[in-house]
Protein backbone atom coordinates (compact mmCIF):
# COMPACT_ATOMS: atom_id res chain seq x y z
CA SER A 1 0.19 -36.75 -13.99
CA LEU A 2 0.23 -34.35 -10.95
CA THR A 3 2.96 -32.34 -9.34
CA ALA A 4 3.24 -30.69 -5.91
CA ASP A 5 5.82 -28.54 -4.27
CA ILE A 6 5.55 -26.39 -1.12
CA ARG A 7 8.42 -24.45 0.02
CA TYR A 8 8.67 -22.02 3.52
CA THR A 9 10.73 -18.91 2.84
CA GLY A 10 12.23 -17.07 6.18
CA ASP A 11 14.05 -13.58 5.78
CA GLN A 12 15.42 -11.21 7.84
CA ARG A 13 15.98 -7.61 6.76
CA GLY A 14 17.89 -5.19 8.65
CA ALA A 15 18.91 -1.73 6.98
CA ASN A 16 21.01 1.63 8.53
CA LEU A 17 21.06 4.27 7.61
CA SER A 18 23.79 7.30 8.42
CA ARG A 19 24.13 10.35 7.42
CA PRO A 20 26.89 12.58 9.24
CA TYR A 21 28.23 15.73 7.71
CA THR A 22 31.85 17.58 7.37
CA ASP A 23 32.72 21.40 7.62
CA ALA A 24 34.66 22.90 4.47
CA THR A 25 37.27 21.59 6.04
CA GLY A 26 36.13 18.17 6.32
CA VAL A 27 35.60 17.37 9.75
CA PHE A 28 32.33 15.71 10.93
CA VAL A 29 30.55 18.19 12.53
CA GLY A 30 27.06 17.31 12.83
CA CYS A 31 24.12 14.75 12.04
CA GLY A 32 21.59 15.20 8.99
CA PHE A 33 19.20 13.68 10.62
CA ALA A 34 16.80 16.02 13.02
CA GLY A 35 17.41 15.75 16.21
CA PHE A 36 20.21 13.15 16.20
CA SER A 37 23.71 13.89 17.32
CA LEU A 38 27.01 13.23 15.58
CA ALA A 39 27.68 10.73 17.84
CA ASN A 40 24.42 8.56 17.20
CA CYS A 41 23.81 9.79 13.51
CA ASN A 42 22.49 6.47 12.31
CA ILE A 43 18.54 5.30 11.85
CA GLY A 44 18.29 1.46 11.97
CA GLY A 45 15.49 -1.29 11.43
CA HIS A 46 15.45 -4.61 11.46
CA LYS A 47 12.30 -7.07 10.61
CA ASN A 48 11.40 -10.33 9.66
CA PHE A 49 9.26 -11.63 6.89
CA SER A 50 8.08 -15.49 5.78
CA ALA A 51 5.78 -17.09 3.22
CA PHE A 52 4.30 -20.35 2.72
CA THR A 53 4.95 -20.62 -0.96
CA TYR A 54 3.61 -23.33 -3.83
CA THR A 55 2.74 -25.25 -7.00
CA LEU A 56 0.04 -27.38 -7.77
CA ALA A 57 -0.21 -29.09 -11.18
CA ALA A 58 -2.21 -31.31 -13.40
CA ASP A 59 -1.05 -32.62 -16.76
CA TYR A 60 -2.56 -34.55 -19.24
CA LYS A 61 -1.47 -36.77 -22.66
CA ILE A 62 -4.06 -37.36 -24.88
CA GLY A 63 -2.31 -39.68 -27.37
CA SER A 64 1.01 -38.61 -27.72
CA LYS A 65 1.02 -35.67 -29.78
CA THR A 66 -1.32 -33.45 -27.30
CA LEU A 67 -0.76 -32.20 -23.28
CA VAL A 68 -3.21 -30.43 -21.57
CA TYR A 69 -2.25 -28.89 -18.36
CA VAL A 70 -3.71 -26.74 -15.51
CA THR A 71 -1.47 -25.23 -12.98
CA THR A 72 -1.17 -22.71 -10.00
CA ARG A 73 1.80 -21.45 -7.87
CA ARG A 74 1.67 -18.67 -5.56
CA GLY A 75 5.21 -16.58 -5.26
CA TYR A 76 6.67 -14.52 -3.01
CA ARG A 77 9.23 -11.61 -2.85
CA SER A 78 10.75 -10.68 0.76
CA GLY A 79 9.71 -7.23 2.23
CA GLY A 80 12.58 -4.68 3.31
CA PHE A 81 13.62 -1.38 3.64
CA SER A 82 13.61 1.62 1.66
CA SER A 83 16.27 4.51 1.98
CA THR A 84 15.20 8.27 1.84
CA GLN A 85 18.09 10.50 1.79
CA SER A 86 16.23 14.12 0.01
CA SER A 87 17.13 16.98 1.24
CA GLY A 88 13.47 17.35 3.11
CA SER A 89 14.05 14.16 4.70
CA ALA A 90 15.88 11.33 5.74
CA GLY A 91 14.85 7.52 7.03
CA LEU A 92 14.03 4.15 6.66
CA THR A 93 10.39 3.07 5.40
CA PRO A 94 9.48 -0.85 5.88
CA PHE A 95 7.47 -2.32 2.66
CA GLN A 96 6.00 -5.70 3.13
CA PRO A 97 6.55 -8.75 1.31
CA GLU A 98 5.01 -9.20 -2.53
CA GLN A 99 2.73 -12.16 -3.05
CA LEU A 100 1.66 -13.14 -6.39
CA THR A 101 -1.03 -16.50 -7.02
CA ASP A 102 -1.43 -17.14 -10.60
CA TYR A 103 -3.77 -19.54 -12.34
CA GLU A 104 -2.76 -21.12 -16.05
CA VAL A 105 -4.98 -23.75 -18.40
CA GLY A 106 -2.86 -24.93 -21.22
CA ALA A 107 -2.01 -27.18 -24.46
CA LYS A 108 0.95 -27.99 -26.21
CA ARG A 109 0.48 -30.08 -29.76
CA ASP A 110 2.76 -31.74 -31.93
CA TRP A 111 1.78 -31.47 -35.61
CA ARG A 112 3.30 -33.29 -38.61
CA LEU A 113 2.12 -32.20 -41.89
CA GLY A 114 4.23 -34.56 -44.34
CA GLY A 115 7.66 -35.29 -45.34
CA ASP A 116 10.13 -33.26 -42.64
CA ALA A 117 7.36 -30.44 -41.78
CA ALA A 118 6.69 -30.29 -38.83
CA LEU A 119 4.42 -27.74 -36.43
CA ARG A 120 4.34 -27.32 -32.90
CA THR A 121 2.03 -25.29 -30.96
CA ASN A 122 1.42 -23.97 -27.63
CA LEU A 123 -1.24 -22.22 -26.30
CA ALA A 124 -1.94 -20.75 -22.44
CA ILE A 125 -3.90 -18.66 -20.63
CA TYR A 126 -3.78 -17.10 -17.17
CA ARG A 127 -4.93 -15.18 -14.28
CA GLN A 128 -2.52 -13.72 -12.17
CA ASN A 129 -3.30 -12.12 -8.64
CA TYR A 130 -0.81 -9.82 -6.65
CA SER A 131 -0.91 -8.40 -3.74
CA ASN A 132 1.22 -5.52 -2.09
CA ILE A 133 3.00 -5.05 -5.17
CA GLN A 134 6.22 -3.47 -4.54
CA ARG A 135 6.53 -0.18 -6.68
CA LEU A 136 9.59 2.65 -6.70
CA ALA A 137 7.62 5.97 -6.08
CA VAL A 138 9.36 8.88 -6.80
CA ASN A 139 8.52 12.92 -5.15
CA PRO A 140 7.84 15.02 -8.19
CA ASN A 141 9.19 17.73 -6.84
CA ASP A 142 12.04 16.23 -5.66
CA VAL A 143 13.60 13.45 -7.53
CA THR A 144 15.86 12.39 -5.03
CA ASP A 145 13.46 11.56 -2.98
CA GLN A 146 12.24 7.75 -4.00
CA VAL A 147 10.95 4.98 -1.83
CA ILE A 148 9.38 1.64 -2.02
CA ILE A 149 6.01 1.51 -1.87
CA ASN A 150 3.22 -1.45 -1.46
CA VAL A 151 0.23 -1.30 -4.01
CA PRO A 152 -2.76 -3.22 -2.01
CA ARG A 153 -3.58 -5.31 -5.43
CA ALA A 154 -3.59 -6.19 -9.15
CA ASN A 155 -4.88 -8.50 -11.20
CA VAL A 156 -3.29 -9.79 -14.72
CA THR A 157 -5.65 -12.04 -17.56
CA GLY A 158 -3.85 -12.83 -20.44
CA GLY A 159 -2.79 -15.15 -23.03
CA GLU A 160 0.07 -16.59 -25.20
CA PHE A 161 0.16 -18.92 -28.03
CA GLU A 162 3.59 -20.03 -29.67
CA ALA A 163 3.59 -21.76 -33.03
CA THR A 164 6.98 -23.43 -34.40
CA LEU A 165 7.20 -24.27 -37.82
CA VAL A 166 9.93 -26.44 -39.83
CA PRO A 167 8.61 -26.82 -43.20
CA VAL A 168 11.91 -28.14 -44.22
CA LYS A 169 15.24 -29.52 -42.52
CA GLY A 170 17.30 -26.26 -41.57
CA LEU A 171 14.60 -23.21 -41.69
CA THR A 172 12.77 -22.50 -38.34
CA LEU A 173 10.34 -20.41 -38.37
CA THR A 174 8.39 -19.00 -35.33
CA TYR A 175 5.73 -17.25 -34.27
CA SER A 176 4.32 -15.76 -30.81
CA TYR A 177 1.46 -13.67 -29.94
CA ALA A 178 0.65 -12.64 -26.58
CA ARG A 179 -1.80 -10.29 -25.26
CA VAL A 180 -2.92 -9.26 -21.62
CA VAL A 181 -6.41 -7.75 -20.54
């Protein structure tokens, strides 16, 4: 069987950051942004992000107990704004959308072991290609100074194996193994 899915996502992101400060009596007296007055103590930003995402898959049943498949998917996480409010800086920093394209091949099989005993195995091998990965960066000199940044790219390759054994009715044993390289 074949599966195809496509989606368009559009996001509008906005952010406002205000940093007025007070005197000892609690009266607002100034703005914490350099060059801004108390009347205009606001930093704002607005951005639009969009992406097409998809899933394409093909699977084939080999007899009634074995399924093999191949699939590719593209995912999307919207961009946005990260605010910094440390004592040394203040502002809105935009970050870009994150995208992931992944490829996977696998097989699933049911085994009859005699009597009521049964075994199900699943094997998958995959590769994930990330772009503009969103990560939190922390200034080591001021841990309150944190911002989301984009890391250009990363690739992850791995595999997974799962087995479920039912040796007798009422007892289920499971095993799973995953490896990422």
